[in-house]
PDB file of N, CA and C in Angstrom:
ATOM      1  N   MET A   1      42.769  15.961 -19.266  1.00  0.00           N
ATOM      2  CA  MET A   1      41.577  16.655 -18.847  1.00  0.00           C
ATOM      3  C   MET A   1      40.318  15.928 -19.315  1.00  0.00           C
ATOM      4  N   ARG A   2      40.327  15.448 -20.579  1.00  0.00           N
ATOM      5  CA  ARG A   2      39.170  14.730 -21.102  1.00  0.00           C
ATOM      6  C   ARG A   2      38.925  13.446 -20.318  1.00  0.00           C
ATOM      7  N   LYS A   3      40.002  12.775 -19.952  1.00  0.00           N
ATOM      8  CA  LYS A   3      39.858  11.540 -19.176  1.00  0.00           C
ATOM      9  C   LYS A   3      39.208  11.830 -17.827  1.00  0.00           C
ATOM     10  N   LEU A   4      39.598  12.931 -17.226  1.00  0.00           N
ATOM     11  CA  LEU A   4      39.032  13.311 -15.933  1.00  0.00           C
ATOM     12  C   LEU A   4      37.534  13.618 -16.046  1.00  0.00           C
ATOM     13  N   ILE A   5      37.152  14.332 -17.082  1.00  0.00           N
ATOM     14  CA  ILE A   5      35.735  14.637 -17.308  1.00  0.00           C
ATOM     15  C   ILE A   5      34.969  13.352 -17.596  1.00  0.00           C
ATOM     16  N   PHE A   6      35.553  12.485 -18.414  1.00  0.00           N
ATOM     17  CA  PHE A   6      34.918  11.206 -18.731  1.00  0.00           C
ATOM     18  C   PHE A   6      34.698  10.381 -17.465  1.00  0.00           C
ATOM     19  N   LEU A   7      35.693  10.310 -16.599  1.00  0.00           N
ATOM     20  CA  LEU A   7      35.559   9.567 -15.343  1.00  0.00           C
ATOM     21  C   LEU A   7      34.509  10.205 -14.430  1.00  0.00           C
ATOM     22  N   ALA A   8      34.444  11.526 -14.426  1.00  0.00           N
ATOM     23  CA  ALA A   8      33.444  12.210 -13.602  1.00  0.00           C
ATOM     24  C   ALA A   8      32.031  11.918 -14.102  1.00  0.00           C
ATOM     25  N   VAL A   9      31.847  11.909 -15.413  1.00  0.00           N
ATOM     26  CA  VAL A   9      30.533  11.596 -15.989  1.00  0.00           C
ATOM     27  C   VAL A   9      30.136  10.164 -15.649  1.00  0.00           C
ATOM     28  N   ILE A  10      31.052   9.238 -15.751  1.00  0.00           N
ATOM     29  CA  ILE A  10      30.766   7.837 -15.402  1.00  0.00           C
ATOM     30  C   ILE A  10      30.401   7.727 -13.925  1.00  0.00           C
ATOM     31  N   ALA A  11      31.128   8.419 -13.071  1.00  0.00           N
ATOM     32  CA  ALA A  11      30.836   8.374 -11.632  1.00  0.00           C
ATOM     33  C   ALA A  11      29.439   8.915 -11.334  1.00  0.00           C
ATOM     34  N   VAL A  12      29.059   9.999 -11.985  1.00  0.00           N
ATOM     35  CA  VAL A  12      27.721  10.571 -11.782  1.00  0.00           C
ATOM     36  C   VAL A  12      26.654   9.599 -12.267  1.00  0.00           C
ATOM     37  N   CYS A  13      26.850   9.013 -13.437  1.00  0.00           N
ATOM     38  CA  CYS A  13      25.871   8.053 -13.970  1.00  0.00           C
ATOM     39  C   CYS A  13      25.722   6.850 -13.051  1.00  0.00           C
ATOM     40  N   LEU A  14      26.823   6.335 -12.550  1.00  0.00           N
ATOM     41  CA  LEU A  14      26.764   5.188 -11.638  1.00  0.00           C
ATOM     42  C   LEU A  14      26.063   5.541 -10.337  1.00  0.00           C
ATOM     43  N   SER A  15      26.327   6.729  -9.817  1.00  0.00           N
ATOM     44  CA  SER A  15      25.672   7.109  -8.560  1.00  0.00           C
ATOM     45  C   SER A  15      24.170   7.302  -8.756  1.00  0.00           C
ATOM     46  N   ILE A  16      23.750   7.834  -9.896  1.00  0.00           N
ATOM     47  CA  ILE A  16      22.315   7.983 -10.183  1.00  0.00           C
ATOM     48  C   ILE A  16      21.664   6.618 -10.328  1.00  0.00           C
ATOM     49  N   ALA A  17      22.313   5.718 -11.057  1.00  0.00           N
ATOM     50  CA  ALA A  17      21.758   4.372 -11.234  1.00  0.00           C
ATOM     51  C   ALA A  17      21.662   3.644  -9.901  1.00  0.00           C
ATOM     52  N   TYR A  18      22.657   3.788  -9.053  1.00  0.00           N
ATOM     53  CA  TYR A  18      22.639   3.143  -7.738  1.00  0.00           C
ATOM     54  C   TYR A  18      21.522   3.710  -6.869  1.00  0.00           C
ATOM     55  N   ALA A  19      21.351   5.020  -6.884  1.00  0.00           N
ATOM     56  CA  ALA A  19      20.292   5.648  -6.085  1.00  0.00           C
ATOM     57  C   ALA A  19      18.919   5.207  -6.559  1.00  0.00           C
ATOM     58  N   GLN A  20      18.715   5.107  -7.871  1.00  0.00           N
ATOM     59  CA  GLN A  20      17.422   4.671  -8.392  1.00  0.00           C
ATOM     60  C   GLN A  20      17.146   3.223  -8.038  1.00  0.00           C
ATOM     61  N   SER A  21      18.144   2.359  -8.119  1.00  0.00           N
ATOM     62  CA  SER A  21      17.915   0.947  -7.800  1.00  0.00           C
ATOM     63  C   SER A  21      17.617   0.762  -6.319  1.00  0.00           C
ATOM     64  N   ASN A  22      18.176   1.580  -5.454  1.00  0.00           N
ATOM     65  CA  ASN A  22      17.900   1.468  -4.022  1.00  0.00           C
ATOM     66  C   ASN A  22      16.557   2.067  -3.640  1.00  0.00           C
ATOM     67  N   ASN A  23      16.014   2.974  -4.441  1.00  0.00           N
ATOM     68  CA  ASN A  23      14.741   3.611  -4.122  1.00  0.00           C
ATOM     69  C   ASN A  23      13.554   2.976  -4.828  1.00  0.00           C
ATOM     70  N   ASP A  24      13.768   2.014  -5.727  1.00  0.00           N
ATOM     71  CA  ASP A  24      12.663   1.416  -6.468  1.00  0.00           C
ATOM     72  C   ASP A  24      11.635   0.801  -5.543  1.00  0.00           C
ATOM     73  N   HIS A  25      12.084   0.101  -4.515  1.00  0.00           N
ATOM     74  CA  HIS A  25      11.140  -0.559  -3.618  1.00  0.00           C
ATOM     75  C   HIS A  25      10.377   0.445  -2.765  1.00  0.00           C
ATOM     76  N   ILE A  26      10.910   1.618  -2.569  1.00  0.00           N
ATOM     77  CA  ILE A  26      10.241   2.627  -1.754  1.00  0.00           C
ATOM     78  C   ILE A  26       9.200   3.379  -2.582  1.00  0.00           C
ATOM     79  N   GLU A  27       9.555   3.821  -3.769  1.00  0.00           N
ATOM     80  CA  GLU A  27       8.666   4.654  -4.560  1.00  0.00           C
ATOM     81  C   GLU A  27       7.601   3.853  -5.290  1.00  0.00           C
ATOM     82  N   GLY A  28       7.918   2.663  -5.757  1.00  0.00           N
ATOM     83  CA  GLY A  28       7.006   1.955  -6.637  1.00  0.00           C
ATOM     84  C   GLY A  28       6.057   0.994  -5.973  1.00  0.00           C
ATOM     85  N   GLY A  29       6.396   0.463  -4.827  1.00  0.00           N
ATOM     86  CA  GLY A  29       5.572  -0.581  -4.251  1.00  0.00           C
ATOM     87  C   GLY A  29       5.001  -0.222  -2.908  1.00  0.00           C
ATOM     88  N   TYR A  30       4.239  -1.171  -2.395  1.00  0.00           N
ATOM     89  CA  TYR A  30       3.643  -0.996  -1.075  1.00  0.00           C
ATOM     90  C   TYR A  30       4.699  -1.137   0.014  1.00  0.00           C
ATOM     91  N   GLN A  31       4.532  -0.379   1.072  1.00  0.00           N
ATOM     92  CA  GLN A  31       5.373  -0.468   2.266  1.00  0.00           C
ATOM     93  C   GLN A  31       4.484  -0.850   3.433  1.00  0.00           C
ATOM     94  N   GLN A  32       4.927  -1.793   4.238  1.00  0.00           N
ATOM     95  CA  GLN A  32       4.149  -2.121   5.424  1.00  0.00           C
ATOM     96  C   GLN A  32       4.306  -0.997   6.438  1.00  0.00           C
ATOM     97  N   VAL A  33       3.178  -0.598   7.035  1.00  0.00           N
ATOM     98  CA  VAL A  33       3.175   0.489   8.012  1.00  0.00           C
ATOM     99  C   VAL A  33       2.376   0.061   9.230  1.00  0.00           C
ATOM    100  N   GLU A  34       2.576   0.776  10.313  1.00  0.00           N
ATOM    101  CA  GLU A  34       1.776   0.562  11.520  1.00  0.00           C
ATOM    102  C   GLU A  34       0.416   1.222  11.321  1.00  0.00           C
ATOM    103  N   TYR A  35      -0.629   0.546  11.773  1.00  0.00           N
ATOM    104  CA  TYR A  35      -1.972   1.116  11.676  1.00  0.00           C
ATOM    105  C   TYR A  35      -2.064   2.342  12.570  1.00  0.00           C
ATOM    106  N   ASN A  36      -2.611   3.405  12.011  1.00  0.00           N
ATOM    107  CA  ASN A  36      -2.835   4.648  12.739  1.00  0.00           C
ATOM    108  C   ASN A  36      -4.282   5.058  12.502  1.00  0.00           C
ATOM    109  N   GLN A  37      -5.063   5.151  13.560  1.00  0.00           N
ATOM    110  CA  GLN A  37      -6.487   5.459  13.430  1.00  0.00           C
ATOM    111  C   GLN A  37      -6.721   6.749  12.653  1.00  0.00           C
ATOM    112  N   GLU A  38      -5.931   7.765  12.916  1.00  0.00           N
ATOM    113  CA  GLU A  38      -6.125   9.051  12.245  1.00  0.00           C
ATOM    114  C   GLU A  38      -5.831   8.959  10.750  1.00  0.00           C
ATOM    115  N   THR A  39      -4.791   8.238  10.393  1.00  0.00           N
ATOM    116  CA  THR A  39      -4.384   8.129   8.994  1.00  0.00           C
ATOM    117  C   THR A  39      -5.189   7.085   8.233  1.00  0.00           C
ATOM    118  N   HIS A  40      -5.385   5.919   8.837  1.00  0.00           N
ATOM    119  CA  HIS A  40      -5.966   4.777   8.131  1.00  0.00           C
ATOM    120  C   HIS A  40      -7.410   4.456   8.498  1.00  0.00           C
ATOM    121  N   GLY A  41      -7.922   5.065   9.556  1.00  0.00           N
ATOM    122  CA  GLY A  41      -9.222   4.677  10.099  1.00  0.00           C
ATOM    123  C   GLY A  41     -10.374   4.734   9.112  1.00  0.00           C
ATOM    124  N   GLU A  42     -10.493   5.832   8.385  1.00  0.00           N
ATOM    125  CA  GLU A  42     -11.604   5.983   7.444  1.00  0.00           C
ATOM    126  C   GLU A  42     -11.509   4.960   6.308  1.00  0.00           C
ATOM    127  N   ALA A  43     -10.303   4.741   5.794  1.00  0.00           N
ATOM    128  CA  ALA A  43     -10.114   3.768   4.715  1.00  0.00           C
ATOM    129  C   ALA A  43     -10.364   2.348   5.217  1.00  0.00           C
ATOM    130  N   TYR A  44      -9.943   2.054   6.441  1.00  0.00           N
ATOM    131  CA  TYR A  44     -10.174   0.728   7.017  1.00  0.00           C
ATOM    132  C   TYR A  44     -11.669   0.477   7.197  1.00  0.00           C
ATOM    133  N   GLN A  45     -12.397   1.473   7.673  1.00  0.00           N
ATOM    134  CA  GLN A  45     -13.849   1.329   7.821  1.00  0.00           C
ATOM    135  C   GLN A  45     -14.516   1.127   6.459  1.00  0.00           C
ATOM    136  N   ALA A  46     -14.010   1.799   5.429  1.00  0.00           N
ATOM    137  CA  ALA A  46     -14.541   1.604   4.073  1.00  0.00           C
ATOM    138  C   ALA A  46     -14.304   0.168   3.614  1.00  0.00           C
ATOM    139  N   ALA A  47     -13.136  -0.388   3.940  1.00  0.00           N
ATOM    140  CA  ALA A  47     -12.834  -1.776   3.577  1.00  0.00           C
ATOM    141  C   ALA A  47     -13.787  -2.735   4.281  1.00  0.00           C
ATOM    142  N   LEU A  48     -14.009  -2.523   5.573  1.00  0.00           N
ATOM    143  CA  LEU A  48     -14.924  -3.387   6.326  1.00  0.00           C
ATOM    144  C   LEU A  48     -16.350  -3.271   5.792  1.00  0.00           C
ATOM    145  N   HIS A  49     -16.780  -2.051   5.512  1.00  0.00           N
ATOM    146  CA  HIS A  49     -18.130  -1.838   4.986  1.00  0.00           C
ATOM    147  C   HIS A  49     -18.290  -2.516   3.629  1.00  0.00           C
ATOM    148  N   TYR A  50     -17.268  -2.440   2.792  1.00  0.00           N
ATOM    149  CA  TYR A  50     -17.327  -3.058   1.467  1.00  0.00           C
ATOM    150  C   TYR A  50     -17.482  -4.571   1.591  1.00  0.00           C
ATOM    151  N   LEU A  51     -16.681  -5.194   2.458  1.00  0.00           N
ATOM    152  CA  LEU A  51     -16.801  -6.642   2.648  1.00  0.00           C
ATOM    153  C   LEU A  51     -18.186  -7.003   3.168  1.00  0.00           C
ATOM    154  N   SER A  52     -18.707  -6.193   4.058  1.00  0.00           N
ATOM    155  CA  SER A  52     -20.045  -6.428   4.593  1.00  0.00           C
ATOM    156  C   SER A  52     -21.103  -6.297   3.498  1.00  0.00           C
ATOM    157  N   SER A  53     -20.945  -5.327   2.609  1.00  0.00           N
ATOM    158  CA  SER A  53     -21.918  -5.123   1.530  1.00  0.00           C
ATOM    159  C   SER A  53     -21.904  -6.270   0.527  1.00  0.00           C
ATOM    160  N   LYS A  54     -20.798  -6.992   0.444  1.00  0.00           N
ATOM    161  CA  LYS A  54     -20.691  -8.149  -0.447  1.00  0.00           C
ATOM    162  C   LYS A  54     -21.207  -9.416   0.227  1.00  0.00           C
ATOM    163  N   GLU A  55     -21.775  -9.247   1.420  1.00  0.00           N
ATOM    164  CA  GLU A  55     -22.337 -10.346   2.205  1.00  0.00           C
ATOM    165  C   GLU A  55     -21.317 -11.454   2.454  1.00  0.00           C
ATOM    166  N   ILE A  56     -20.110 -11.021   2.742  1.00  0.00           N
ATOM    167  CA  ILE A  56     -19.045 -11.950   3.101  1.00  0.00           C
ATOM    168  C   ILE A  56     -19.185 -12.244   4.584  1.00  0.00           C
ATOM    169  N   GLU A  57     -19.031 -13.507   4.938  1.00  0.00           N
ATOM    170  CA  GLU A  57     -19.111 -13.874   6.353  1.00  0.00           C
ATOM    171  C   GLU A  57     -18.092 -13.054   7.132  1.00  0.00           C
ATOM    172  N   THR A  58     -18.568 -12.335   8.098  1.00  0.00           N
ATOM    173  CA  THR A  58     -17.667 -11.549   8.932  1.00  0.00           C
ATOM    174  C   THR A  58     -17.977 -11.817  10.387  1.00  0.00           C
ATOM    175  N   SER A  59     -16.976 -11.701  11.200  1.00  0.00           N
ATOM    176  CA  SER A  59     -17.174 -11.836  12.637  1.00  0.00           C
ATOM    177  C   SER A  59     -17.389 -10.447  13.221  1.00  0.00           C
ATOM    178  N   ILE A  60     -17.814 -10.418  14.451  1.00  0.00           N
ATOM    179  CA  ILE A  60     -18.015  -9.135  15.118  1.00  0.00           C
ATOM    180  C   ILE A  60     -16.678  -8.438  15.325  1.00  0.00           C
ATOM    181  N   ASN A  61     -15.626  -9.213  15.521  1.00  0.00           N
ATOM    182  CA  ASN A  61     -14.308  -8.648  15.804  1.00  0.00           C
ATOM    183  C   ASN A  61     -13.307  -9.030  14.719  1.00  0.00           C
ATOM    184  N   PRO A  62     -13.273  -8.294  13.613  1.00  0.00           N
ATOM    185  CA  PRO A  62     -12.259  -8.591  12.602  1.00  0.00           C
ATOM    186  C   PRO A  62     -10.874  -8.265  13.147  1.00  0.00           C
ATOM    187  N   LYS A  63      -9.891  -8.993  12.671  1.00  0.00           N
ATOM    188  CA  LYS A  63      -8.512  -8.756  13.104  1.00  0.00           C
ATOM    189  C   LYS A  63      -7.735  -8.167  11.928  1.00  0.00           C
ATOM    190  N   LEU A  64      -7.185  -6.985  12.141  1.00  0.00           N
ATOM    191  CA  LEU A  64      -6.349  -6.354  11.128  1.00  0.00           C
ATOM    192  C   LEU A  64      -4.944  -6.920  11.274  1.00  0.00           C
ATOM    193  N   VAL A  65      -4.535  -7.698  10.290  1.00  0.00           N
ATOM    194  CA  VAL A  65      -3.249  -8.392  10.359  1.00  0.00           C
ATOM    195  C   VAL A  65      -2.106  -7.490   9.904  1.00  0.00           C
ATOM    196  N   ALA A  66      -2.329  -6.720   8.828  1.00  0.00           N
ATOM    197  CA  ALA A  66      -1.263  -5.869   8.295  1.00  0.00           C
ATOM    198  C   ALA A  66      -1.867  -4.729   7.486  1.00  0.00           C
ATOM    199  N   VAL A  67      -1.123  -3.638   7.425  1.00  0.00           N
ATOM    200  CA  VAL A  67      -1.498  -2.485   6.602  1.00  0.00           C
ATOM    201  C   VAL A  67      -0.301  -2.148   5.723  1.00  0.00           C
ATOM    202  N   TYR A  68      -0.572  -1.994   4.436  1.00  0.00           N
ATOM    203  CA  TYR A  68       0.449  -1.567   3.486  1.00  0.00           C
ATOM    204  C   TYR A  68      -0.057  -0.304   2.813  1.00  0.00           C
ATOM    205  N   GLN A  69       0.860   0.547   2.418  1.00  0.00           N
ATOM    206  CA  GLN A  69       0.445   1.754   1.709  1.00  0.00           C
ATOM    207  C   GLN A  69       1.484   2.137   0.679  1.00  0.00           C
ATOM    208  N   LYS A  70       1.004   2.829  -0.343  1.00  0.00           N
ATOM    209  CA  LYS A  70       1.897   3.457  -1.318  1.00  0.00           C
ATOM    210  C   LYS A  70       1.243   4.751  -1.752  1.00  0.00           C
ATOM    211  N   ILE A  71       2.070   5.669  -2.162  1.00  0.00           N
ATOM    212  CA  ILE A  71       1.587   6.978  -2.572  1.00  0.00           C
ATOM    213  C   ILE A  71       1.546   7.019  -4.092  1.00  0.00           C
ATOM    214  N   VAL A  72       0.388   7.313  -4.630  1.00  0.00           N
ATOM    215  CA  VAL A  72       0.209   7.497  -6.073  1.00  0.00           C
ATOM    216  C   VAL A  72      -0.387   8.892  -6.228  1.00  0.00           C
ATOM    217  N   SER A  73      -1.481   9.056  -6.916  1.00  0.00           N
ATOM    218  CA  SER A  73      -2.126  10.377  -6.976  1.00  0.00           C
ATOM    219  C   SER A  73      -3.076  10.517  -5.795  1.00  0.00           C
ATOM    220  N   GLY A  74      -2.689   9.944  -4.726  1.00  0.00           N
ATOM    221  CA  GLY A  74      -3.413   9.857  -3.465  1.00  0.00           C
ATOM    222  C   GLY A  74      -2.686   8.787  -2.673  1.00  0.00           C
ATOM    223  N   ALA A  75      -3.394   8.122  -1.810  1.00  0.00           N
ATOM    224  CA  ALA A  75      -2.783   7.031  -1.048  1.00  0.00           C
ATOM    225  C   ALA A  75      -3.538   5.745  -1.349  1.00  0.00           C
ATOM    226  N   MET A  76      -2.793   4.683  -1.626  1.00  0.00           N
ATOM    227  CA  MET A  76      -3.372   3.348  -1.800  1.00  0.00           C
ATOM    228  C   MET A  76      -3.060   2.571  -0.531  1.00  0.00           C
ATOM    229  N   TYR A  77      -4.098   2.039   0.076  1.00  0.00           N
ATOM    230  CA  TYR A  77      -3.939   1.226   1.277  1.00  0.00           C
ATOM    231  C   TYR A  77      -4.336  -0.196   0.955  1.00  0.00           C
ATOM    232  N   LYS A  78      -3.572  -1.129   1.476  1.00  0.00           N
ATOM    233  CA  LYS A  78      -3.887  -2.543   1.333  1.00  0.00           C
ATOM    234  C   LYS A  78      -4.022  -3.104   2.742  1.00  0.00           C
ATOM    235  N   PHE A  79      -5.252  -3.516   3.089  1.00  0.00           N
ATOM    236  CA  PHE A  79      -5.541  -4.047   4.416  1.00  0.00           C
ATOM    237  C   PHE A  79      -5.649  -5.564   4.349  1.00  0.00           C
ATOM    238  N   HIS A  80      -4.914  -6.251   5.218  1.00  0.00           N
ATOM    239  CA  HIS A  80      -5.031  -7.701   5.368  1.00  0.00           C
ATOM    240  C   HIS A  80      -5.892  -7.928   6.604  1.00  0.00           C
ATOM    241  N   ILE A  81      -7.089  -8.457   6.384  1.00  0.00           N
ATOM    242  CA  ILE A  81      -8.084  -8.578   7.447  1.00  0.00           C
ATOM    243  C   ILE A  81      -8.464 -10.040   7.622  1.00  0.00           C
ATOM    244  N   MET A  82      -8.544 -10.471   8.872  1.00  0.00           N
ATOM    245  CA  MET A  82      -8.983 -11.839   9.187  1.00  0.00           C
ATOM    246  C   MET A  82     -10.357 -11.792   9.834  1.00  0.00           C
ATOM    247  N   PHE A  83     -11.252 -12.648   9.368  1.00  0.00           N
ATOM    248  CA  PHE A  83     -12.555 -12.885   9.986  1.00  0.00           C
ATOM    249  C   PHE A  83     -12.567 -14.354  10.371  1.00  0.00           C
ATOM    250  N   ASN A  84     -12.512 -14.606  11.678  1.00  0.00           N
ATOM    251  CA  ASN A  84     -12.381 -15.977  12.179  1.00  0.00           C
ATOM    252  C   ASN A  84     -11.167 -16.624  11.527  1.00  0.00           C
ATOM    253  N   ASP A  85     -11.353 -17.591  10.642  1.00  0.00           N
ATOM    254  CA  ASP A  85     -10.201 -18.267  10.032  1.00  0.00           C
ATOM    255  C   ASP A  85     -10.028 -17.905   8.556  1.00  0.00           C
ATOM    256  N   GLN A  86     -10.754 -16.918   8.065  1.00  0.00           N
ATOM    257  CA  GLN A  86     -10.671 -16.538   6.658  1.00  0.00           C
ATOM    258  C   GLN A  86     -10.075 -15.142   6.502  1.00  0.00           C
ATOM    259  N   GLY A  87      -9.087 -15.034   5.598  1.00  0.00           N
ATOM    260  CA  GLY A  87      -8.419 -13.757   5.376  1.00  0.00           C
ATOM    261  C   GLY A  87      -8.827 -13.096   4.072  1.00  0.00           C
ATOM    262  N   TRP A  88      -8.770 -11.771   4.079  1.00  0.00           N
ATOM    263  CA  TRP A  88      -9.093 -10.970   2.906  1.00  0.00           C
ATOM    264  C   TRP A  88      -8.060  -9.864   2.749  1.00  0.00           C
ATOM    265  N   ILE A  89      -7.797  -9.502   1.500  1.00  0.00           N
ATOM    266  CA  ILE A  89      -6.969  -8.338   1.185  1.00  0.00           C
ATOM    267  C   ILE A  89      -7.874  -7.344   0.467  1.00  0.00           C
ATOM    268  N   VAL A  90      -7.966  -6.151   1.020  1.00  0.00           N
ATOM    269  CA  VAL A  90      -8.818  -5.109   0.440  1.00  0.00           C
ATOM    270  C   VAL A  90      -7.945  -3.893   0.151  1.00  0.00           C
ATOM    271  N   GLU A  91      -8.004  -3.403  -1.097  1.00  0.00           N
ATOM    272  CA  GLU A  91      -7.263  -2.206  -1.483  1.00  0.00           C
ATOM    273  C   GLU A  91      -8.216  -1.016  -1.543  1.00  0.00           C
ATOM    274  N   VAL A  92      -7.804   0.067  -0.907  1.00  0.00           N
ATOM    275  CA  VAL A  92      -8.619   1.283  -0.854  1.00  0.00           C
ATOM    276  C   VAL A  92      -7.774   2.454  -1.344  1.00  0.00           C
ATOM    277  N   TRP A  93      -8.354   3.245  -2.238  1.00  0.00           N
ATOM    278  CA  TRP A  93      -7.691   4.435  -2.771  1.00  0.00           C
ATOM    279  C   TRP A  93      -8.288   5.652  -2.091  1.00  0.00           C
ATOM    280  N   SER A  94      -7.439   6.510  -1.576  1.00  0.00           N
ATOM    281  CA  SER A  94      -7.897   7.672  -0.818  1.00  0.00           C
ATOM    282  C   SER A  94      -7.287   8.953  -1.369  1.00  0.00           C
ATOM    283  N   GLN A  95      -8.147   9.935  -1.582  1.00  0.00           N
ATOM    284  CA  GLN A  95      -7.735  11.299  -1.912  1.00  0.00           C
ATOM    285  C   GLN A  95      -8.546  12.223  -1.008  1.00  0.00           C
ATOM    286  N   PRO A  96      -8.087  12.444   0.220  1.00  0.00           N
ATOM    287  CA  PRO A  96      -8.889  13.208   1.171  1.00  0.00           C
ATOM    288  C   PRO A  96      -9.173  14.643   0.740  1.00  0.00           C
ATOM    289  N   TRP A  97      -8.282  15.260  -0.003  1.00  0.00           N
ATOM    290  CA  TRP A  97      -8.495  16.642  -0.426  1.00  0.00           C
ATOM    291  C   TRP A  97      -9.624  16.744  -1.454  1.00  0.00           C
ATOM    292  N   LEU A  98     -10.023  15.595  -2.062  1.00  0.00           N
ATOM    293  CA  LEU A  98     -11.153  15.571  -2.990  1.00  0.00           C
ATOM    294  C   LEU A  98     -12.350  14.821  -2.402  1.00  0.00           C
ATOM    295  N   ASN A  99     -12.244  14.458  -1.131  1.00  0.00           N
ATOM    296  CA  ASN A  99     -13.269  13.637  -0.478  1.00  0.00           C
ATOM    297  C   ASN A  99     -13.532  12.356  -1.261  1.00  0.00           C
ATOM    298  N   ASN A 100     -12.472  11.750  -1.776  1.00  0.00           N
ATOM    299  CA  ASN A 100     -12.580  10.530  -2.565  1.00  0.00           C
ATOM    300  C   ASN A 100     -12.030   9.353  -1.765  1.00  0.00           C
ATOM    301  N   LEU A 101     -12.859   8.349  -1.573  1.00  0.00           N
ATOM    302  CA  LEU A 101     -12.462   7.131  -0.881  1.00  0.00           C
ATOM    303  C   LEU A 101     -13.128   5.985  -1.627  1.00  0.00           C
ATOM    304  N   GLN A 102     -12.316   5.087  -2.213  1.00  0.00           N
ATOM    305  CA  GLN A 102     -12.879   4.073  -3.094  1.00  0.00           C
ATOM    306  C   GLN A 102     -12.171   2.737  -2.894  1.00  0.00           C
ATOM    307  N   VAL A 103     -12.953   1.679  -2.711  1.00  0.00           N
ATOM    308  CA  VAL A 103     -12.392   0.331  -2.679  1.00  0.00           C
ATOM    309  C   VAL A 103     -12.147  -0.069  -4.127  1.00  0.00           C
ATOM    310  N   VAL A 104     -10.906  -0.427  -4.448  1.00  0.00           N
ATOM    311  CA  VAL A 104     -10.570  -0.743  -5.834  1.00  0.00           C
ATOM    312  C   VAL A 104     -10.425  -2.236  -6.084  1.00  0.00           C
ATOM    313  N   SER A 105     -10.185  -3.020  -5.045  1.00  0.00           N
ATOM    314  CA  SER A 105     -10.117  -4.469  -5.234  1.00  0.00           C
ATOM    315  C   SER A 105     -10.226  -5.176  -3.893  1.00  0.00           C
ATOM    316  N   PHE A 106     -10.636  -6.427  -3.972  1.00  0.00           N
ATOM    317  CA  PHE A 106     -10.625  -7.275  -2.788  1.00  0.00           C
ATOM    318  C   PHE A 106     -10.444  -8.710  -3.249  1.00  0.00           C
ATOM    319  N   LYS A 107      -9.759  -9.488  -2.443  1.00  0.00           N
ATOM    320  CA  LYS A 107      -9.592 -10.899  -2.775  1.00  0.00           C
ATOM    321  C   LYS A 107      -9.436 -11.711  -1.504  1.00  0.00           C
ATOM    322  N   ARG A 108      -9.846 -12.931  -1.614  1.00  0.00           N
ATOM    323  CA  ARG A 108      -9.753 -13.867  -0.507  1.00  0.00           C
ATOM    324  C   ARG A 108      -8.337 -14.426  -0.454  1.00  0.00           C
ATOM    325  N   ILE A 109      -7.802 -14.534   0.730  1.00  0.00           N
ATOM    326  CA  ILE A 109      -6.482 -15.134   0.905  1.00  0.00           C
ATOM    327  C   ILE A 109      -6.685 -16.639   1.001  1.00  0.00           C
ATOM    328  N   PRO A 110      -6.080 -17.415   0.103  1.00  0.00           N
ATOM    329  CA  PRO A 110      -6.274 -18.865   0.153  1.00  0.00           C
ATOM    330  C   PRO A 110      -5.715 -19.458   1.444  1.00  0.00           C
ATOM    331  N   LYS A 111      -6.426 -20.436   1.966  1.00  0.00           N
ATOM    332  CA  LYS A 111      -5.952 -21.128   3.168  1.00  0.00           C
ATOM    333  C   LYS A 111      -4.834 -22.073   2.775  1.00  0.00           C
ATOM    334  N   ASN A 112      -3.879 -22.226   3.675  1.00  0.00           N
ATOM    335  CA  ASN A 112      -2.745 -23.121   3.387  1.00  0.00           C
ATOM    336  C   ASN A 112      -3.140 -24.549   3.521  1.00  0.00           C
TER     337      ASN A 112
END
């Protein structure tokens, strides 16, 4: 009987460890998502406005290359934006229930 309980405890521990290792990339990091105007539009406009306020050369038609998001105590969005031949990554933190929208970082993507 003790052996059976011991084996059951080991099986439960292994299944928990396996589930956590498979979910680490989902819960902890950014996930690439499709751009959705309703979900991402306000944060994307904040990113564009921030780059403009820093007097970064921008074109009339920026190209949104990719959108990544992760959920923290709100939503963190990472926008990969191209202006002509120069790329930028802008991170925006959003808490719509508190009317909080804040650019937390931006960096230039080095050219290859």
